[in-house]
């Protein structure tokens, strides 16, 4: 696990800087668990796994509830940007765009999860939130695969 976190930290750090800019390496920044680091993104991915493991099966939903909160709307919009972010990064050969995106989605998701219960939410909202967590996990996992950041089950 330590090796996977170290690999994630170093790859994230290197890929976050445009190739034509100087790279300043700092262990404090690289290992930051609160924002903008490989371990932070890995932690967010692990957090989504933990929620989904506790939830058990991912419920099927047929519609989005009417009373979703602003943070959920923001997450949905961010998730929808993923294909465009990847296409633009590929077109411009700038992986730092994906780095910026995974940091943003991790920040928004962690803030959201601290404010709103997923597993203890009322019926209807609970199922929607479990699916939202699953969507965040899927997008983060795919982006981590592109970036070469190892996905962990636990941290």
C-alpha atoms as a PDB file:
ATOM      1  CA  UNK A   1       0.000   0.000   0.000  1.00  0.00           C
ATOM      2  CA  UNK A   2       2.824   2.410   0.863  1.00  0.00           C
ATOM      3  CA  UNK A   3       4.392   1.821  -2.534  1.00  0.00           C
ATOM      4  CA  UNK A   4       1.089   2.467  -4.331  1.00  0.00           C
ATOM      5  CA  UNK A   5       0.583   5.718  -2.391  1.00  0.00           C
ATOM      6  CA  UNK A   6       4.152   6.807  -3.169  1.00  0.00           C
ATOM      7  CA  UNK A   7       3.719   6.017  -6.869  1.00  0.00           C
ATOM      8  CA  UNK A   8       0.428   7.923  -6.918  1.00  0.00           C
ATOM      9  CA  UNK A   9       1.968  10.885  -5.114  1.00  0.00           C
ATOM     10  CA  UNK A  10       4.960  11.160  -7.424  1.00  0.00           C
ATOM     11  CA  UNK A  11       3.025  10.604 -10.668  1.00  0.00           C
ATOM     12  CA  UNK A  12       0.387  13.133  -9.673  1.00  0.00           C
ATOM     13  CA  UNK A  13       3.072  15.658  -8.761  1.00  0.00           C
ATOM     14  CA  UNK A  14       4.967  15.237 -12.036  1.00  0.00           C
ATOM     15  CA  UNK A  15       1.826  15.276 -14.194  1.00  0.00           C
ATOM     16  CA  UNK A  16       0.391  18.352 -12.477  1.00  0.00           C
ATOM     17  CA  UNK A  17       3.065  20.587 -13.982  1.00  0.00           C
ATOM     18  CA  UNK A  18       3.163  21.479 -17.649  1.00  0.00           C
ATOM     19  CA  UNK A  19       6.271  20.016 -19.333  1.00  0.00           C
ATOM     20  CA  UNK A  20       7.492  23.496 -20.268  1.00  0.00           C
ATOM     21  CA  UNK A  21       7.479  24.725 -16.642  1.00  0.00           C
ATOM     22  CA  UNK A  22      10.012  23.985 -13.894  1.00  0.00           C
ATOM     23  CA  UNK A  23       9.054  21.303 -11.382  1.00  0.00           C
ATOM     24  CA  UNK A  24       9.493  22.072  -7.694  1.00  0.00           C
ATOM     25  CA  UNK A  25       9.220  18.932  -5.585  1.00  0.00           C
ATOM     26  CA  UNK A  26       8.047  19.123  -1.963  1.00  0.00           C
ATOM     27  CA  UNK A  27       7.141  16.065   0.121  1.00  0.00           C
ATOM     28  CA  UNK A  28       4.662  18.122   2.167  1.00  0.00           C
ATOM     29  CA  UNK A  29       2.775  19.113  -0.978  1.00  0.00           C
ATOM     30  CA  UNK A  30       3.049  15.702  -2.646  1.00  0.00           C
ATOM     31  CA  UNK A  31       1.626  13.867   0.387  1.00  0.00           C
ATOM     32  CA  UNK A  32      -1.139  16.373   1.233  1.00  0.00           C
ATOM     33  CA  UNK A  33      -4.292  14.429   2.135  1.00  0.00           C
ATOM     34  CA  UNK A  34      -6.548  17.495   1.998  1.00  0.00           C
ATOM     35  CA  UNK A  35      -6.141  18.634  -1.613  1.00  0.00           C
ATOM     36  CA  UNK A  36      -4.207  18.526  -4.855  1.00  0.00           C
ATOM     37  CA  UNK A  37      -2.157  15.349  -4.443  1.00  0.00           C
ATOM     38  CA  UNK A  38      -2.140  11.742  -5.555  1.00  0.00           C
ATOM     39  CA  UNK A  39      -2.871  10.451  -2.040  1.00  0.00           C
ATOM     40  CA  UNK A  40      -5.833  12.867  -1.777  1.00  0.00           C
ATOM     41  CA  UNK A  41      -7.342  11.489  -4.981  1.00  0.00           C
ATOM     42  CA  UNK A  42      -6.567   7.930  -3.864  1.00  0.00           C
ATOM     43  CA  UNK A  43      -8.215   8.649  -0.500  1.00  0.00           C
ATOM     44  CA  UNK A  44     -11.335   9.951  -2.259  1.00  0.00           C
ATOM     45  CA  UNK A  45     -11.473   6.812  -4.398  1.00  0.00           C
ATOM     46  CA  UNK A  46     -11.065   4.627  -1.289  1.00  0.00           C
ATOM     47  CA  UNK A  47     -13.810   6.624   0.433  1.00  0.00           C
ATOM     48  CA  UNK A  48     -16.225   5.950  -2.438  1.00  0.00           C
ATOM     49  CA  UNK A  49     -15.369   2.240  -2.273  1.00  0.00           C
ATOM     50  CA  UNK A  50     -16.054   2.176   1.469  1.00  0.00           C
ATOM     51  CA  UNK A  51     -19.457   3.797   1.032  1.00  0.00           C
ATOM     52  CA  UNK A  52     -20.410   1.407  -1.749  1.00  0.00           C
ATOM     53  CA  UNK A  53     -19.211  -1.654   0.185  1.00  0.00           C
ATOM     54  CA  UNK A  54     -21.416  -0.653   3.120  1.00  0.00           C
ATOM     55  CA  UNK A  55     -24.332   0.007   0.762  1.00  0.00           C
ATOM     56  CA  UNK A  56     -24.113  -3.473  -0.719  1.00  0.00           C
ATOM     57  CA  UNK A  57     -25.831  -3.648  -4.079  1.00  0.00           C
ATOM     58  CA  UNK A  58     -26.106  -0.472  -6.131  1.00  0.00           C
ATOM     59  CA  UNK A  59     -29.831   0.203  -6.417  1.00  0.00           C
ATOM     60  CA  UNK A  60     -31.468   0.916  -9.732  1.00  0.00           C
ATOM     61  CA  UNK A  61     -33.061   4.342 -10.010  1.00  0.00           C
ATOM     62  CA  UNK A  62     -35.499   5.488 -12.662  1.00  0.00           C
ATOM     63  CA  UNK A  63     -35.469   9.227 -11.959  1.00  0.00           C
ATOM     64  CA  UNK A  64     -33.546  11.888 -10.116  1.00  0.00           C
ATOM     65  CA  UNK A  65     -35.357  13.126  -7.001  1.00  0.00           C
ATOM     66  CA  UNK A  66     -36.745  16.658  -7.167  1.00  0.00           C
ATOM     67  CA  UNK A  67     -35.047  17.783  -3.963  1.00  0.00           C
ATOM     68  CA  UNK A  68     -31.363  17.254  -4.723  1.00  0.00           C
ATOM     69  CA  UNK A  69     -28.973  19.740  -3.102  1.00  0.00           C
ATOM     70  CA  UNK A  70     -26.680  22.191  -4.901  1.00  0.00           C
ATOM     71  CA  UNK A  71     -23.594  20.055  -4.197  1.00  0.00           C
ATOM     72  CA  UNK A  72     -25.251  17.099  -5.927  1.00  0.00           C
ATOM     73  CA  UNK A  73     -26.038  19.266  -8.937  1.00  0.00           C
ATOM     74  CA  UNK A  74     -22.427  20.439  -8.986  1.00  0.00           C
ATOM     75  CA  UNK A  75     -21.160  16.840  -8.861  1.00  0.00           C
ATOM     76  CA  UNK A  76     -23.484  15.815 -11.692  1.00  0.00           C
ATOM     77  CA  UNK A  77     -22.247  18.691 -13.849  1.00  0.00           C
ATOM     78  CA  UNK A  78     -18.613  17.861 -13.033  1.00  0.00           C
ATOM     79  CA  UNK A  79     -19.147  14.200 -13.911  1.00  0.00           C
ATOM     80  CA  UNK A  80     -20.637  15.283 -17.227  1.00  0.00           C
ATOM     81  CA  UNK A  81     -17.462  17.238 -18.052  1.00  0.00           C
ATOM     82  CA  UNK A  82     -15.257  14.140 -17.919  1.00  0.00           C
ATOM     83  CA  UNK A  83     -15.329  13.179 -21.623  1.00  0.00           C
ATOM     84  CA  UNK A  84     -14.570  16.757 -22.660  1.00  0.00           C
ATOM     85  CA  UNK A  85     -11.713  17.057 -20.139  1.00  0.00           C
ATOM     86  CA  UNK A  86     -10.097  13.863 -21.419  1.00  0.00           C
ATOM     87  CA  UNK A  87     -10.576  14.805 -25.071  1.00  0.00           C
ATOM     88  CA  UNK A  88      -9.107  18.261 -24.523  1.00  0.00           C
ATOM     89  CA  UNK A  89      -6.158  16.853 -22.562  1.00  0.00           C
ATOM     90  CA  UNK A  90      -5.461  14.395 -25.383  1.00  0.00           C
ATOM     91  CA  UNK A  91      -5.823  17.032 -28.077  1.00  0.00           C
ATOM     92  CA  UNK A  92      -3.556  19.513 -26.291  1.00  0.00           C
ATOM     93  CA  UNK A  93      -1.228  16.861 -24.818  1.00  0.00           C
ATOM     94  CA  UNK A  94      -1.763  18.372 -21.366  1.00  0.00           C
ATOM     95  CA  UNK A  95      -2.362  15.782 -18.659  1.00  0.00           C
ATOM     96  CA  UNK A  96      -2.370  18.553 -16.078  1.00  0.00           C
ATOM     97  CA  UNK A  97      -5.947  19.267 -17.229  1.00  0.00           C
ATOM     98  CA  UNK A  98      -7.001  15.825 -15.982  1.00  0.00           C
ATOM     99  CA  UNK A  99      -5.048  16.393 -12.765  1.00  0.00           C
ATOM    100  CA  UNK A 100      -6.918  19.650 -12.172  1.00  0.00           C
ATOM    101  CA  UNK A 101     -10.213  17.883 -12.886  1.00  0.00           C
ATOM    102  CA  UNK A 102      -9.643  14.953 -10.487  1.00  0.00           C
ATOM    103  CA  UNK A 103      -8.583  17.359  -7.759  1.00  0.00           C
ATOM    104  CA  UNK A 104     -11.745  19.428  -8.253  1.00  0.00           C
ATOM    105  CA  UNK A 105     -14.071  16.441  -8.265  1.00  0.00           C
ATOM    106  CA  UNK A 106     -12.313  15.084  -5.155  1.00  0.00           C
ATOM    107  CA  UNK A 107     -12.687  18.409  -3.345  1.00  0.00           C
ATOM    108  CA  UNK A 108     -16.373  18.715  -4.236  1.00  0.00           C
ATOM    109  CA  UNK A 109     -17.129  15.079  -3.381  1.00  0.00           C
ATOM    110  CA  UNK A 110     -15.393  15.167  -0.002  1.00  0.00           C
ATOM    111  CA  UNK A 111     -17.110  18.425   0.934  1.00  0.00           C
ATOM    112  CA  UNK A 112     -20.450  16.968  -0.155  1.00  0.00           C
ATOM    113  CA  UNK A 113     -19.962  13.731   1.772  1.00  0.00           C
ATOM    114  CA  UNK A 114     -19.095  15.574   4.973  1.00  0.00           C
ATOM    115  CA  UNK A 115     -22.380  17.531   4.775  1.00  0.00           C
ATOM    116  CA  UNK A 116     -24.887  14.967   3.533  1.00  0.00           C
ATOM    117  CA  UNK A 117     -25.476  11.375   4.610  1.00  0.00           C
ATOM    118  CA  UNK A 118     -25.525   8.769   1.879  1.00  0.00           C
ATOM    119  CA  UNK A 119     -26.345   5.507   3.620  1.00  0.00           C
ATOM    120  CA  UNK A 120     -28.613   7.091   6.238  1.00  0.00           C
ATOM    121  CA  UNK A 121     -30.485   9.323   3.821  1.00  0.00           C
ATOM    122  CA  UNK A 122     -34.231   8.981   3.446  1.00  0.00           C
ATOM    123  CA  UNK A 123     -35.538   6.440   0.922  1.00  0.00           C
ATOM    124  CA  UNK A 124     -35.428   7.730  -2.633  1.00  0.00           C
ATOM    125  CA  UNK A 125     -32.590  10.097  -1.807  1.00  0.00           C
ATOM    126  CA  UNK A 126     -30.456   7.210  -0.471  1.00  0.00           C
ATOM    127  CA  UNK A 127     -30.645   5.299  -3.745  1.00  0.00           C
ATOM    128  CA  UNK A 128     -29.851   8.411  -5.754  1.00  0.00           C
ATOM    129  CA  UNK A 129     -26.858   9.233  -3.540  1.00  0.00           C
ATOM    130  CA  UNK A 130     -25.479   5.704  -3.752  1.00  0.00           C
ATOM    131  CA  UNK A 131     -25.622   5.965  -7.541  1.00  0.00           C
ATOM    132  CA  UNK A 132     -23.947   9.368  -7.412  1.00  0.00           C
ATOM    133  CA  UNK A 133     -21.126   7.932  -5.283  1.00  0.00           C
ATOM    134  CA  UNK A 134     -20.775   5.084  -7.778  1.00  0.00           C
ATOM    135  CA  UNK A 135     -20.546   7.579 -10.652  1.00  0.00           C
ATOM    136  CA  UNK A 136     -17.827   9.527  -8.816  1.00  0.00           C
ATOM    137  CA  UNK A 137     -15.921   6.293  -8.186  1.00  0.00           C
ATOM    138  CA  UNK A 138     -16.192   5.282 -11.846  1.00  0.00           C
ATOM    139  CA  UNK A 139     -15.001   8.634 -13.204  1.00  0.00           C
ATOM    140  CA  UNK A 140     -12.192   8.959 -10.654  1.00  0.00           C
ATOM    141  CA  UNK A 141     -11.099   5.385 -11.329  1.00  0.00           C
ATOM    142  CA  UNK A 142     -11.026   5.918 -15.081  1.00  0.00           C
ATOM    143  CA  UNK A 143      -9.063   9.152 -14.704  1.00  0.00           C
ATOM    144  CA  UNK A 144      -6.638   7.454 -12.305  1.00  0.00           C
ATOM    145  CA  UNK A 145      -6.097   4.708 -14.888  1.00  0.00           C
ATOM    146  CA  UNK A 146      -5.250   7.330 -17.520  1.00  0.00           C
ATOM    147  CA  UNK A 147      -2.825   9.046 -15.146  1.00  0.00           C
ATOM    148  CA  UNK A 148      -1.224   5.830 -13.905  1.00  0.00           C
ATOM    149  CA  UNK A 149      -2.251   6.477 -10.298  1.00  0.00           C
ATOM    150  CA  UNK A 150      -2.835   3.169  -8.495  1.00  0.00           C
ATOM    151  CA  UNK A 151      -6.370   2.508  -7.254  1.00  0.00           C
ATOM    152  CA  UNK A 152      -6.529   1.166  -3.710  1.00  0.00           C
ATOM    153  CA  UNK A 153      -9.290  -0.650  -1.849  1.00  0.00           C
ATOM    154  CA  UNK A 154      -8.144   0.661   1.550  1.00  0.00           C
ATOM    155  CA  UNK A 155      -5.808   3.319   2.907  1.00  0.00           C
END
